[in-house]
Protein backbone atom coordinates (compact mmCIF):
# COMPACT_ATOMS: atom_id res chain seq x y z
CA UNK A 1 -32.62 -92.59 -25.31
CA UNK A 2 -29.36 -92.73 -27.38
CA UNK A 3 -27.35 -92.79 -24.14
CA UNK A 4 -29.30 -95.80 -22.86
CA UNK A 5 -29.09 -97.72 -26.15
CA UNK A 6 -25.33 -97.14 -26.17
CA UNK A 7 -24.95 -98.15 -22.54
CA UNK A 8 -26.79 -101.41 -23.31
CA UNK A 9 -24.56 -101.86 -26.39
CA UNK A 10 -27.54 -102.26 -28.71
CA UNK A 11 -25.32 -101.05 -31.55
CA UNK A 12 -24.06 -104.62 -31.99
CA UNK A 13 -27.55 -105.77 -32.94
CA UNK A 14 -28.49 -102.57 -34.76
CA UNK A 15 -25.45 -100.67 -36.12
CA UNK A 16 -27.49 -97.55 -36.89
CA UNK A 17 -28.00 -96.82 -33.17
CA UNK A 18 -25.81 -94.65 -30.96
CA UNK A 19 -22.43 -96.09 -29.93
CA UNK A 20 -20.40 -94.09 -27.46
CA UNK A 21 -16.67 -94.71 -27.08
CA UNK A 22 -17.05 -94.57 -23.30
CA UNK A 23 -19.52 -97.46 -23.32
CA UNK A 24 -17.65 -99.60 -25.82
CA UNK A 25 -14.48 -99.44 -23.73
CA UNK A 26 -16.39 -99.51 -20.43
CA UNK A 27 -14.86 -96.34 -19.04
CA UNK A 28 -15.97 -95.51 -15.53
CA UNK A 29 -16.99 -91.83 -15.64
CA UNK A 30 -18.53 -89.68 -12.94
CA UNK A 31 -21.91 -88.03 -13.47
CA UNK A 32 -20.10 -84.67 -13.70
CA UNK A 33 -17.88 -85.97 -16.52
CA UNK A 34 -20.92 -87.32 -18.41
CA UNK A 35 -22.60 -83.93 -17.98
CA UNK A 36 -19.55 -82.14 -19.43
CA UNK A 37 -19.47 -84.56 -22.37
CA UNK A 38 -23.18 -84.00 -23.03
CA UNK A 39 -22.72 -80.22 -22.89
CA UNK A 40 -19.81 -80.46 -25.33
CA UNK A 41 -21.85 -82.60 -27.74
CA UNK A 42 -24.73 -80.13 -27.56
CA UNK A 43 -22.39 -77.21 -28.31
CA UNK A 44 -20.79 -79.08 -31.22
CA UNK A 45 -24.21 -79.81 -32.72
CA UNK A 46 -25.33 -76.19 -32.28
CA UNK A 47 -22.11 -75.04 -33.99
CA UNK A 48 -22.60 -77.46 -36.88
CA UNK A 49 -26.27 -76.62 -37.42
CA UNK A 50 -25.39 -72.91 -37.35
CA UNK A 51 -22.44 -73.28 -39.73
CA UNK A 52 -22.08 -72.12 -43.31
CA UNK A 53 -21.31 -75.67 -44.40
CA UNK A 54 -24.61 -76.98 -43.01
CA UNK A 55 -26.46 -74.18 -44.81
CA UNK A 56 -24.68 -75.22 -48.01
CA UNK A 57 -25.60 -78.89 -47.44
CA UNK A 58 -29.27 -77.94 -47.16
CA UNK A 59 -29.17 -76.24 -50.57
CA UNK A 60 -27.21 -78.99 -52.30
CA UNK A 61 -29.38 -81.02 -54.71
CA UNK A 62 -29.61 -84.69 -53.72
CA UNK A 63 -28.24 -85.83 -57.08
CA UNK A 64 -24.97 -83.96 -56.38
CA UNK A 65 -24.13 -86.12 -53.34
CA UNK A 66 -21.52 -88.76 -54.13
CA UNK A 67 -20.68 -90.38 -50.79
CA UNK A 68 -22.12 -90.59 -47.31
CA UNK A 69 -20.21 -93.06 -45.13
CA UNK A 70 -20.02 -95.72 -47.85
CA UNK A 71 -16.82 -97.69 -48.41
CA UNK A 72 -15.46 -96.82 -51.82
CA UNK A 73 -12.22 -96.94 -53.75
CA UNK A 74 -10.22 -95.06 -56.32
CA UNK A 75 -7.05 -95.80 -58.22
CA UNK A 76 -3.83 -93.90 -57.63
CA UNK A 77 -0.92 -94.76 -59.89
CA UNK A 78 -2.55 -98.12 -60.62
CA UNK A 79 -3.05 -98.99 -56.95
CA UNK A 80 -6.57 -99.52 -55.64
CA UNK A 81 -7.13 -97.29 -52.58
CA UNK A 82 -10.08 -98.00 -50.26
CA UNK A 83 -11.52 -95.14 -48.23
CA UNK A 84 -14.50 -94.31 -46.05
CA UNK A 85 -15.10 -90.59 -46.13
CA UNK A 86 -17.85 -88.64 -44.40
CA UNK A 87 -19.25 -87.07 -47.57
CA UNK A 88 -18.42 -85.85 -51.02
CA UNK A 89 -20.40 -83.97 -53.60
CA UNK A 90 -20.22 -82.50 -57.07
CA UNK A 91 -20.59 -78.76 -57.64
CA UNK A 92 -20.13 -77.15 -61.03
CA UNK A 93 -17.00 -78.79 -62.46
CA UNK A 94 -15.36 -79.98 -59.24
CA UNK A 95 -15.74 -82.59 -56.54
CA UNK A 96 -15.48 -81.70 -52.86
CA UNK A 97 -14.51 -84.26 -50.21
CA UNK A 98 -15.26 -83.58 -46.55
CA UNK A 99 -13.94 -85.75 -43.74
CA UNK A 100 -14.37 -84.75 -40.11
CA UNK A 101 -11.81 -85.86 -37.58
CA UNK A 102 -13.01 -87.04 -34.19
CA UNK A 103 -9.83 -86.26 -32.30
CA UNK A 104 -8.49 -82.99 -31.00
CA UNK A 105 -7.05 -80.42 -33.36
CA UNK A 106 -3.30 -80.53 -33.85
CA UNK A 107 -3.09 -76.88 -34.94
CA UNK A 108 -2.15 -74.12 -32.55
């Protein structure tokens, strides 16, 4: 269903629905390419749900969450900096910020 809602660009009317890059930019992909993309997404999700960080997220009390995809700002040397981060949370006496990149890794 998410594939179909993206293909029909329903995300314009309802931003919480699936929006695939390939549909937004109307890329013409073969069925084999779509299959490879779907397999990659499935593997990424399996990796995430099996990760230590996901296990930690499940144990984290709700009141410790600070951000989840909300625009926010902070001041740095008197300059207001706007940012949209994936999540941040408080643990003990520190704050952790996590931001996933959607591109390929630049490390070797």
